[in-house]
């Protein structure tokens, strides 16, 4: 029997999930012999539901929610010997993985165009003992995102991130990062460090334009701004479409990265949610999961 589990986060995306749940189940019912639905009530439910479904041998697992819900679903199957196919219907604030995979960020469009006959290999990353599908971010702006109230995120969407990020950018604070990438050591002083898997970060696809969802690499961006004027100067270099080193921006590729910081306590942001404090060890798990994508025009 070909069965699927649909995990729904009813608090994601302005709490619209319930209005799309029926449409998603109808779509899945047309392809699978049995479709079960579970609603999350607290952080960690999505991961627990996905892990249990993998252990029970479900053919496929789908989630409906934002980047955090997607992260939980994938984290639940990442360490399993048997990994069900994975799919998701984006219903969050940014939906970076959806953008990287070409999945519409409009929930109904994603449901209508989901191709249940085809999957694509997907890299995932491991940061300490946790997993991520998009980005580990460290520095002033990620620190501010960790402080954004969940209700404000739901109400204002990306604007909430922008306002909070701008406030922290104005602090002019830089950090002394110690970075080891594939055994090579470097010291970088700046306000932002990103370790990305895809070409979409915070809704922007110019930051790591060369990144592919299955290329087997971590893509590092390090800014070298030490004051507010240098931060302003670094922004155009960050947002350009060519991924080349600049005086205030450096790019690297690696399979494994260790990051620490001197004279500061810094928390990571993992796929949009608060993560571990530095130091952290990050590794790529190439083509670790098969994910459903949408029909191409």
Protein backbone atom coordinates (compact mmCIF):
# COMPACT_ATOMS: atom_id res chain seq x y z
CA UNK A 1 0.00 0.00 0.00
CA UNK A 2 1.30 3.44 -0.99
CA UNK A 3 0.64 5.70 2.00
CA UNK A 4 1.52 9.28 2.93
CA UNK A 5 1.48 11.47 6.02
CA UNK A 6 0.57 15.16 5.85
CA UNK A 7 1.91 17.20 8.79
CA UNK A 8 0.24 20.62 9.13
CA UNK A 9 1.42 23.55 11.23
CA UNK A 10 -1.81 25.53 11.78
CA UNK A 11 0.14 28.53 13.14
CA UNK A 12 2.24 29.16 10.02
CA UNK A 13 1.73 31.84 7.40
CA UNK A 14 -0.83 34.03 9.11
CA UNK A 15 -2.57 30.94 10.41
CA UNK A 16 -3.93 30.10 6.95
CA UNK A 17 -2.92 26.45 7.05
CA UNK A 18 -6.37 25.06 7.89
CA UNK A 19 -7.91 26.67 4.81
CA UNK A 20 -5.44 24.81 2.56
CA UNK A 21 -5.35 21.53 4.45
CA UNK A 22 -8.38 20.08 2.68
CA UNK A 23 -7.05 21.00 -0.76
CA UNK A 24 -3.67 19.42 -0.02
CA UNK A 25 -5.26 16.21 1.26
CA UNK A 26 -7.47 16.02 -1.83
CA UNK A 27 -4.37 16.35 -4.01
CA UNK A 28 -2.58 13.60 -2.11
CA UNK A 29 -5.67 11.36 -2.07
CA UNK A 30 -5.55 11.32 -5.87
CA UNK A 31 -2.11 9.70 -5.80
CA UNK A 32 -1.82 7.67 -2.59
CA UNK A 33 -3.89 4.75 -1.29
CA UNK A 34 -4.02 6.25 2.20
CA UNK A 35 -3.31 9.76 3.49
CA UNK A 36 -3.12 10.49 7.22
CA UNK A 37 -3.09 14.03 8.65
CA UNK A 38 -1.49 15.27 11.87
CA UNK A 39 -1.55 18.83 13.23
CA UNK A 40 1.38 20.22 15.21
CA UNK A 41 0.69 21.89 18.53
CA UNK A 42 4.19 22.79 19.71
CA UNK A 43 7.79 23.02 18.58
CA UNK A 44 9.20 19.55 17.90
CA UNK A 45 5.91 17.90 16.93
CA UNK A 46 6.73 17.98 13.22
CA UNK A 47 10.06 16.25 13.76
CA UNK A 48 8.51 13.62 16.03
CA UNK A 49 5.67 12.91 13.59
CA UNK A 50 8.08 12.57 10.66
CA UNK A 51 10.44 10.30 12.58
CA UNK A 52 7.58 8.02 13.61
CA UNK A 53 6.25 7.89 10.04
CA UNK A 54 9.69 6.91 8.73
CA UNK A 55 9.97 4.19 11.35
CA UNK A 56 6.51 2.91 10.33
CA UNK A 57 7.55 2.75 6.67
CA UNK A 58 5.39 5.47 5.12
CA UNK A 59 6.08 5.94 1.41
CA UNK A 60 6.05 9.75 1.60
CA UNK A 61 5.89 12.54 4.17
CA UNK A 62 4.52 16.01 3.40
CA UNK A 63 4.51 19.09 5.59
CA UNK A 64 2.53 22.32 5.33
CA UNK A 65 4.12 25.31 7.04
CA UNK A 66 7.07 27.67 6.95
CA UNK A 67 10.81 27.07 6.79
CA UNK A 68 10.87 25.93 10.42
CA UNK A 69 8.20 23.30 9.79
CA UNK A 70 10.05 22.10 6.69
CA UNK A 71 13.20 21.84 8.79
CA UNK A 72 11.39 19.76 11.41
CA UNK A 73 10.00 17.37 8.81
CA UNK A 74 13.37 16.77 7.19
CA UNK A 75 15.11 16.52 10.57
CA UNK A 76 12.72 13.74 11.53
CA UNK A 77 13.83 11.51 8.66
CA UNK A 78 17.46 12.63 8.21
CA UNK A 79 19.02 9.95 10.44
CA UNK A 80 16.65 7.13 9.55
CA UNK A 81 17.94 4.14 7.62
CA UNK A 82 14.80 4.22 5.50
CA UNK A 83 13.94 7.72 4.33
CA UNK A 84 10.47 8.34 2.89
CA UNK A 85 10.14 10.73 -0.04
CA UNK A 86 9.58 14.27 1.23
CA UNK A 87 7.30 17.04 0.02
CA UNK A 88 6.03 20.33 1.35
CA UNK A 89 3.48 23.06 0.74
CA UNK A 90 4.99 26.45 1.71
CA UNK A 91 3.00 28.52 4.16
CA UNK A 92 5.60 30.62 5.92
CA UNK A 93 7.16 34.06 6.02
CA UNK A 94 10.06 33.55 3.60
CA UNK A 95 9.87 29.99 2.17
CA UNK A 96 13.49 29.86 1.00
CA UNK A 97 13.63 26.17 0.12
CA UNK A 98 10.48 26.52 -1.97
CA UNK A 99 12.08 29.38 -3.92
CA UNK A 100 15.26 27.36 -4.47
CA UNK A 101 13.29 24.37 -5.79
CA UNK A 102 10.98 26.44 -7.99
CA UNK A 103 7.91 25.66 -5.87
CA UNK A 104 5.34 28.51 -5.89
CA UNK A 105 5.17 30.35 -2.58
CA UNK A 106 1.41 30.69 -3.05
CA UNK A 107 0.02 27.64 -1.20
CA UNK A 108 -2.79 26.89 -3.67
CA UNK A 109 -0.44 27.14 -6.65
CA UNK A 110 1.99 24.81 -4.90
CA UNK A 111 -0.79 22.30 -4.25
CA UNK A 112 -2.11 22.49 -7.82
CA UNK A 113 1.32 22.14 -9.43
CA UNK A 114 2.97 19.58 -7.14
CA UNK A 115 4.35 16.75 -9.28
CA UNK A 116 3.78 13.56 -7.31
CA UNK A 117 5.38 11.41 -10.01
CA UNK A 118 8.83 12.95 -9.75
CA UNK A 119 11.43 13.62 -7.04
CA UNK A 120 14.73 15.47 -6.93
CA UNK A 121 17.82 14.80 -4.82
CA UNK A 122 18.36 17.34 -2.04
CA UNK A 123 21.47 18.15 0.00
CA UNK A 124 20.93 18.84 3.67
CA UNK A 125 23.35 20.22 6.23
CA UNK A 126 24.18 19.14 9.76
CA UNK A 127 25.12 21.77 12.35
CA UNK A 128 26.33 20.08 15.54
CA UNK A 129 23.52 17.57 16.17
CA UNK A 130 20.79 19.41 14.24
CA UNK A 131 19.90 19.62 10.55
CA UNK A 132 19.16 22.43 8.12
CA UNK A 133 17.93 22.74 4.56
CA UNK A 134 18.82 26.30 3.71
CA UNK A 135 21.16 28.44 5.81
CA UNK A 136 23.04 28.85 9.07
CA UNK A 137 23.38 32.59 9.70
CA UNK A 138 25.60 34.25 12.30
CA UNK A 139 26.07 37.91 13.23
CA UNK A 140 24.15 41.12 13.84
CA UNK A 141 21.19 40.56 11.52
CA UNK A 142 20.69 36.85 12.40
CA UNK A 143 20.88 37.80 16.08
CA UNK A 144 18.10 40.32 15.51
CA UNK A 145 15.96 37.76 13.69
CA UNK A 146 16.24 35.45 16.69
CA UNK A 147 14.72 38.27 18.75
CA UNK A 148 11.70 38.86 16.48
CA UNK A 149 8.44 37.99 18.24
CA UNK A 150 6.54 35.11 16.57
CA UNK A 151 3.29 37.10 16.54
CA UNK A 152 5.07 40.00 14.83
CA UNK A 153 6.50 37.62 12.21
CA UNK A 154 3.03 36.28 11.50
CA UNK A 155 1.51 39.76 11.26
CA UNK A 156 4.19 41.62 9.29
CA UNK A 157 5.97 38.79 7.47
CA UNK A 158 9.37 39.73 5.94
CA UNK A 159 8.89 43.36 7.04
CA UNK A 160 9.40 42.25 10.65
CA UNK A 161 12.79 40.78 9.74
CA UNK A 162 13.78 43.89 7.81
CA UNK A 163 12.93 46.30 10.63
CA UNK A 164 14.74 44.25 13.26
CA UNK A 165 17.73 43.63 10.99
CA UNK A 166 18.08 47.32 10.21
CA UNK A 167 18.15 48.18 13.92
CA UNK A 168 21.01 45.74 14.50
CA UNK A 169 22.90 46.83 11.38
CA UNK A 170 23.04 50.31 12.86
CA UNK A 171 24.92 49.00 15.91
CA UNK A 172 28.13 48.85 13.82
CA UNK A 173 29.25 45.80 15.80
CA UNK A 174 31.76 43.43 14.21
CA UNK A 175 33.04 40.07 15.43
CA UNK A 176 36.32 38.19 15.15
CA UNK A 177 35.37 34.86 13.57
CA UNK A 178 37.70 31.88 13.43
CA UNK A 179 36.76 29.74 10.43
CA UNK A 180 38.15 26.34 9.43
CA UNK A 181 36.82 25.18 6.04
CA UNK A 182 38.01 21.78 4.80
CA UNK A 183 41.06 22.10 7.04
CA UNK A 184 42.01 25.64 5.97
CA UNK A 185 42.09 28.21 8.77
CA UNK A 186 41.19 31.87 8.44
CA UNK A 187 40.33 34.79 10.69
CA UNK A 188 37.64 37.19 9.55
CA UNK A 189 36.43 40.34 11.28
CA UNK A 190 32.93 41.35 10.20
CA UNK A 191 29.26 41.54 11.09
CA UNK A 192 27.80 38.62 9.12
CA UNK A 193 28.66 35.02 8.26
CA UNK A 194 26.37 32.76 6.22
CA UNK A 195 26.64 29.05 5.45
CA UNK A 196 24.10 28.28 2.72
CA UNK A 197 22.89 25.24 0.81
CA UNK A 198 20.72 27.00 -1.78
CA UNK A 199 20.60 30.19 -3.82
CA UNK A 200 17.72 31.67 -1.78
CA UNK A 201 18.49 33.35 1.55
CA UNK A 202 15.89 35.51 3.23
CA UNK A 203 13.93 35.62 -0.02
CA UNK A 204 16.91 36.93 -2.03
CA UNK A 205 18.42 34.76 -4.76
CA UNK A 206 21.50 36.90 -5.45
CA UNK A 207 23.49 36.16 -2.31
CA UNK A 208 24.72 32.71 -3.40
CA UNK A 209 23.72 32.54 -7.09
CA UNK A 210 26.01 29.59 -7.83
CA UNK A 211 24.54 27.33 -5.14
CA UNK A 212 22.49 24.33 -6.29
CA UNK A 213 20.26 22.19 -4.09
CA UNK A 214 22.25 19.06 -4.96
CA UNK A 215 25.81 20.27 -5.64
CA UNK A 216 27.28 18.70 -2.51
CA UNK A 217 28.79 21.91 -1.10
CA UNK A 218 28.34 24.39 1.72
CA UNK A 219 28.51 27.95 0.38
CA UNK A 220 30.06 30.49 2.75
CA UNK A 221 29.62 34.25 2.67
CA UNK A 222 31.74 36.35 5.02
CA UNK A 223 31.46 40.12 5.26
CA UNK A 224 34.54 42.05 6.38
CA UNK A 225 32.84 45.25 7.53
CA UNK A 226 34.18 46.82 10.71
CA UNK A 227 31.91 49.90 10.88
CA UNK A 228 28.59 51.19 9.58
CA UNK A 229 30.08 52.86 6.49
CA UNK A 230 31.76 49.60 5.50
CA UNK A 231 28.46 47.78 6.11
CA UNK A 232 26.75 50.13 3.63
CA UNK A 233 29.60 49.59 1.18
CA UNK A 234 29.32 45.80 1.51
CA UNK A 235 25.59 45.66 0.69
CA UNK A 236 25.88 46.19 -3.10
CA UNK A 237 28.59 43.51 -3.25
CA UNK A 238 26.32 41.10 -1.36
CA UNK A 239 23.36 41.68 -3.67
CA UNK A 240 25.17 41.50 -7.00
CA UNK A 241 24.48 38.50 -9.25
CA UNK A 242 28.12 37.36 -9.59
CA UNK A 243 29.64 35.34 -6.76
CA UNK A 244 33.19 36.78 -6.73
CA UNK A 245 35.34 38.06 -3.88
CA UNK A 246 35.24 41.77 -3.10
CA UNK A 247 37.26 43.84 -0.60
CA UNK A 248 34.45 43.58 1.96
CA UNK A 249 32.85 40.25 0.96
CA UNK A 250 34.44 36.82 0.69
CA UNK A 251 32.99 33.59 -0.75
CA UNK A 252 34.13 30.03 -0.07
CA UNK A 253 32.93 26.48 -0.80
CA UNK A 254 33.50 23.58 1.55
CA UNK A 255 32.33 20.16 2.67
CA UNK A 256 32.91 20.87 6.35
CA UNK A 257 33.20 24.10 8.34
CA UNK A 258 34.03 24.87 11.97
CA UNK A 259 33.16 28.35 13.24
CA UNK A 260 34.04 30.03 16.52
CA UNK A 261 34.14 33.64 17.71
CA UNK A 262 36.44 35.54 20.06
CA UNK A 263 35.28 37.84 22.85
CA UNK A 264 31.53 37.38 22.22
CA UNK A 265 28.58 35.09 22.88
CA UNK A 266 26.80 34.54 19.57
CA UNK A 267 23.75 32.44 18.79
CA UNK A 268 23.26 30.93 15.34
CA UNK A 269 20.07 31.21 13.31
CA UNK A 270 19.21 27.95 11.55
CA UNK A 271 16.61 28.04 8.77
CA UNK A 272 15.05 31.12 10.35
CA UNK A 273 14.91 29.85 13.93
CA UNK A 274 17.34 30.21 16.87
CA UNK A 275 20.09 27.58 16.89
CA UNK A 276 23.16 26.65 18.95
CA UNK A 277 25.64 29.10 20.40
CA UNK A 278 29.09 29.26 18.80
CA UNK A 279 31.29 27.31 18.33
CA UNK A 280 29.59 25.07 15.77
CA UNK A 281 30.64 22.33 13.37
CA UNK A 282 28.80 22.20 10.03
CA UNK A 283 28.89 19.43 7.42
CA UNK A 284 27.15 18.69 4.13
CA UNK A 285 25.09 15.52 3.62
CA UNK A 286 25.00 15.32 -0.18
CA UNK A 287 21.82 14.18 -1.95
CA UNK A 288 20.53 12.90 1.36
CA UNK A 289 16.79 13.13 0.72
CA UNK A 290 14.45 12.87 -2.26
CA UNK A 291 12.00 15.75 -2.48
CA UNK A 292 8.91 16.30 -4.62
CA UNK A 293 8.96 19.37 -6.85
CA UNK A 294 6.42 21.14 -9.03
CA UNK A 295 5.58 20.75 -12.69
CA UNK A 296 7.62 22.95 -15.00
CA UNK A 297 5.91 25.17 -17.56
